[in-house]
Amino acid sequence: MQRHEVPTHLNIEDKAFAGLTMRQLMVVIIGLSVAYAAVSGMHLPIPVRLATGAFVLAATATFSLWQPGGRSLEDWAFVLLRYVAVPRVVVWRVRHAYINDPEPAARFEVVLPAESKQARRNR
């Protein structure tokens, strides 16, 4: 008799090393590299270099481990960029009635305030 295992954790990322996912591990590796470069590569006094390295390490830990709402900070950055890019003011109005309108939903249109009258006529 053959046994088949049913996967139960489908929405959970696999852990790669030390309880970190691959994304978190790559962020930690990049952060450690940047912190090392900040400490060893700058020609500043040692306390300033150490403070810069500590700041980079703290930012790396925050960026890789903190997941507000169960999402990574990269996801939240894309959400913020989308929010900034999409216009937030629209006008909902009834289009001119056409006799042979194939779709009843086509009676309505959304007009953006920045859209010119000439662009609306050309549609």
C-alpha atoms as a PDB file:
ATOM      1  CA  MET A   1       0.000   0.000   0.000  1.00  0.00           C
ATOM      2  CA  GLN A   2       1.412   3.406  -0.989  1.00  0.00           C
ATOM      3  CA  ARG A   3       1.235   6.422   1.283  1.00  0.00           C
ATOM      4  CA  HIS A   4       0.849   9.949  -0.023  1.00  0.00           C
ATOM      5  CA  GLU A   5       1.601  12.997   2.078  1.00  0.00           C
ATOM      6  CA  VAL A   6      -0.902  15.807   1.720  1.00  0.00           C
ATOM      7  CA  PRO A   7       0.765  19.250   1.822  1.00  0.00           C
ATOM      8  CA  THR A   8      -0.779  21.414   4.514  1.00  0.00           C
ATOM      9  CA  HIS A   9       1.527  24.463   4.579  1.00  0.00           C
ATOM     10  CA  LEU A  10       1.055  25.798   1.062  1.00  0.00           C
ATOM     11  CA  ASN A  11       1.113  29.525   1.869  1.00  0.00           C
ATOM     12  CA  ILE A  12       4.251  29.440   4.015  1.00  0.00           C
ATOM     13  CA  GLU A  13       7.703  30.173   2.628  1.00  0.00           C
ATOM     14  CA  ASP A  14      10.361  27.518   3.059  1.00  0.00           C
ATOM     15  CA  LYS A  15      13.065  28.177   5.634  1.00  0.00           C
ATOM     16  CA  ALA A  16      16.562  28.229   4.142  1.00  0.00           C
ATOM     17  CA  PHE A  17      18.969  28.786   7.036  1.00  0.00           C
ATOM     18  CA  ALA A  18      18.632  29.625  10.748  1.00  0.00           C
ATOM     19  CA  GLY A  19      14.866  30.016  10.468  1.00  0.00           C
ATOM     20  CA  LEU A  20      15.131  32.644   7.700  1.00  0.00           C
ATOM     21  CA  THR A  21      13.477  32.443   4.316  1.00  0.00           C
ATOM     22  CA  MET A  22      15.524  32.893   1.160  1.00  0.00           C
ATOM     23  CA  ARG A  23      14.362  36.515   0.836  1.00  0.00           C
ATOM     24  CA  GLN A  24      15.327  37.295   4.411  1.00  0.00           C
ATOM     25  CA  LEU A  25      18.653  35.527   4.027  1.00  0.00           C
ATOM     26  CA  MET A  26      19.529  37.518   0.902  1.00  0.00           C
ATOM     27  CA  VAL A  27      18.595  40.799   2.621  1.00  0.00           C
ATOM     28  CA  VAL A  28      20.821  39.872   5.585  1.00  0.00           C
ATOM     29  CA  ILE A  29      23.747  38.974   3.308  1.00  0.00           C
ATOM     30  CA  ILE A  30      23.430  42.239   1.367  1.00  0.00           C
ATOM     31  CA  GLY A  31      23.091  44.232   4.599  1.00  0.00           C
ATOM     32  CA  LEU A  32      26.158  42.606   6.129  1.00  0.00           C
ATOM     33  CA  SER A  33      28.120  43.378   2.953  1.00  0.00           C
ATOM     34  CA  VAL A  34      27.043  47.025   2.976  1.00  0.00           C
ATOM     35  CA  ALA A  35      27.824  47.339   6.700  1.00  0.00           C
ATOM     36  CA  TYR A  36      31.303  45.869   6.159  1.00  0.00           C
ATOM     37  CA  ALA A  37      31.910  48.241   3.252  1.00  0.00           C
ATOM     38  CA  ALA A  38      30.737  51.190   5.374  1.00  0.00           C
ATOM     39  CA  VAL A  39      33.053  50.300   8.246  1.00  0.00           C
ATOM     40  CA  SER A  40      36.144  49.389   6.261  1.00  0.00           C
ATOM     41  CA  GLY A  41      35.909  51.559   3.161  1.00  0.00           C
ATOM     42  CA  MET A  42      35.230  55.065   4.480  1.00  0.00           C
ATOM     43  CA  HIS A  43      38.029  57.444   5.434  1.00  0.00           C
ATOM     44  CA  LEU A  44      36.357  58.858   8.532  1.00  0.00           C
ATOM     45  CA  PRO A  45      37.098  58.589  12.258  1.00  0.00           C
ATOM     46  CA  ILE A  46      36.462  55.151  13.754  1.00  0.00           C
ATOM     47  CA  PRO A  47      33.429  56.178  15.882  1.00  0.00           C
ATOM     48  CA  VAL A  48      31.665  57.547  12.786  1.00  0.00           C
ATOM     49  CA  ARG A  49      32.414  54.387  10.815  1.00  0.00           C
ATOM     50  CA  LEU A  50      31.152  52.178  13.653  1.00  0.00           C
ATOM     51  CA  ALA A  51      27.992  54.270  14.031  1.00  0.00           C
ATOM     52  CA  THR A  52      27.362  54.003  10.280  1.00  0.00           C
ATOM     53  CA  GLY A  53      27.883  50.240  10.374  1.00  0.00           C
ATOM     54  CA  ALA A  54      25.550  49.894  13.362  1.00  0.00           C
ATOM     55  CA  PHE A  55      22.891  51.954  11.575  1.00  0.00           C
ATOM     56  CA  VAL A  56      23.158  49.756   8.461  1.00  0.00           C
ATOM     57  CA  LEU A  57      22.901  46.596  10.592  1.00  0.00           C
ATOM     58  CA  ALA A  58      19.834  47.939  12.424  1.00  0.00           C
ATOM     59  CA  ALA A  59      18.188  48.878   9.111  1.00  0.00           C
ATOM     60  CA  THR A  60      19.008  45.432   7.725  1.00  0.00           C
ATOM     61  CA  ALA A  61      17.496  43.682  10.734  1.00  0.00           C
ATOM     62  CA  THR A  62      14.368  45.821  10.502  1.00  0.00           C
ATOM     63  CA  PHE A  63      14.021  45.322   6.752  1.00  0.00           C
ATOM     64  CA  SER A  64      14.532  41.570   6.853  1.00  0.00           C
ATOM     65  CA  LEU A  65      12.663  40.598  10.034  1.00  0.00           C
ATOM     66  CA  TRP A  66       9.801  43.089  10.475  1.00  0.00           C
ATOM     67  CA  GLN A  67       6.663  42.105   8.545  1.00  0.00           C
ATOM     68  CA  PRO A  68       3.728  44.368   9.393  1.00  0.00           C
ATOM     69  CA  GLY A  69       0.430  42.759   8.463  1.00  0.00           C
ATOM     70  CA  GLY A  70       2.210  39.531   7.523  1.00  0.00           C
ATOM     71  CA  ARG A  71       3.823  41.128   4.454  1.00  0.00           C
ATOM     72  CA  SER A  72       7.426  42.063   3.807  1.00  0.00           C
ATOM     73  CA  LEU A  73       8.501  45.680   3.551  1.00  0.00           C
ATOM     74  CA  GLU A  74       9.139  45.213  -0.189  1.00  0.00           C
ATOM     75  CA  ASP A  75       5.448  44.406  -0.635  1.00  0.00           C
ATOM     76  CA  TRP A  76       4.506  47.516   1.315  1.00  0.00           C
ATOM     77  CA  ALA A  77       6.891  49.596  -0.818  1.00  0.00           C
ATOM     78  CA  PHE A  78       5.145  48.378  -3.990  1.00  0.00           C
ATOM     79  CA  VAL A  79       1.749  49.130  -2.437  1.00  0.00           C
ATOM     80  CA  LEU A  80       2.921  52.663  -1.601  1.00  0.00           C
ATOM     81  CA  LEU A  81       4.304  53.207  -5.122  1.00  0.00           C
ATOM     82  CA  ARG A  82       1.024  52.018  -6.633  1.00  0.00           C
ATOM     83  CA  TYR A  83      -0.949  54.311  -4.339  1.00  0.00           C
ATOM     84  CA  VAL A  84       1.180  57.288  -5.394  1.00  0.00           C
ATOM     85  CA  ALA A  85       0.971  56.401  -9.104  1.00  0.00           C
ATOM     86  CA  VAL A  86      -2.814  55.900  -9.371  1.00  0.00           C
ATOM     87  CA  PRO A  87      -4.994  59.030  -9.610  1.00  0.00           C
ATOM     88  CA  ARG A  88      -7.411  59.408  -6.730  1.00  0.00           C
ATOM     89  CA  VAL A  89     -10.011  61.765  -8.230  1.00  0.00           C
ATOM     90  CA  VAL A  90     -12.419  60.448 -10.836  1.00  0.00           C
ATOM     91  CA  VAL A  91     -15.799  61.595 -12.111  1.00  0.00           C
ATOM     92  CA  TRP A  92     -18.580  59.111 -12.763  1.00  0.00           C
ATOM     93  CA  ARG A  93     -21.105  60.284 -15.339  1.00  0.00           C
ATOM     94  CA  VAL A  94     -23.614  58.929 -17.827  1.00  0.00           C
ATOM     95  CA  ARG A  95     -22.429  58.720 -21.432  1.00  0.00           C
ATOM     96  CA  HIS A  96     -24.554  59.886 -24.297  1.00  0.00           C
ATOM     97  CA  ALA A  97     -27.140  57.242 -25.041  1.00  0.00           C
ATOM     98  CA  TYR A  98     -26.454  55.286 -28.203  1.00  0.00           C
ATOM     99  CA  ILE A  99     -29.277  53.491 -29.978  1.00  0.00           C
ATOM    100  CA  ASN A 100     -27.458  50.216 -30.647  1.00  0.00           C
ATOM    101  CA  ASP A 101     -25.359  49.999 -27.510  1.00  0.00           C
ATOM    102  CA  PRO A 102     -24.123  46.373 -27.321  1.00  0.00           C
ATOM    103  CA  GLU A 103     -23.256  46.508 -23.631  1.00  0.00           C
ATOM    104  CA  PRO A 104     -25.457  48.069 -20.966  1.00  0.00           C
ATOM    105  CA  ALA A 105     -22.349  48.713 -18.851  1.00  0.00           C
ATOM    106  CA  ALA A 106     -20.947  50.911 -21.635  1.00  0.00           C
ATOM    107  CA  ARG A 107     -23.472  53.613 -20.725  1.00  0.00           C
ATOM    108  CA  PHE A 108     -21.156  54.818 -17.996  1.00  0.00           C
ATOM    109  CA  GLU A 109     -17.620  56.131 -18.192  1.00  0.00           C
ATOM    110  CA  VAL A 110     -14.983  57.325 -15.773  1.00  0.00           C
ATOM    111  CA  VAL A 111     -13.391  60.641 -16.678  1.00  0.00           C
ATOM    112  CA  LEU A 112     -10.171  61.776 -15.076  1.00  0.00           C
ATOM    113  CA  PRO A 113      -9.961  65.507 -14.322  1.00  0.00           C
ATOM    114  CA  ALA A 114      -6.698  65.940 -16.258  1.00  0.00           C
ATOM    115  CA  GLU A 115      -8.131  64.357 -19.392  1.00  0.00           C
ATOM    116  CA  SER A 116      -8.815  66.895 -22.110  1.00  0.00           C
ATOM    117  CA  LYS A 117     -12.092  67.286 -23.992  1.00  0.00           C
ATOM    118  CA  GLN A 118     -10.291  66.586 -27.256  1.00  0.00           C
ATOM    119  CA  ALA A 119      -9.066  63.199 -25.961  1.00  0.00           C
ATOM    120  CA  ARG A 120     -12.628  62.288 -24.929  1.00  0.00           C
ATOM    121  CA  ARG A 121     -13.981  63.206 -28.385  1.00  0.00           C
ATOM    122  CA  ASN A 122     -11.382  61.008 -30.093  1.00  0.00           C
ATOM    123  CA  ARG A 123     -12.557  57.859 -28.317  1.00  0.00           C
END
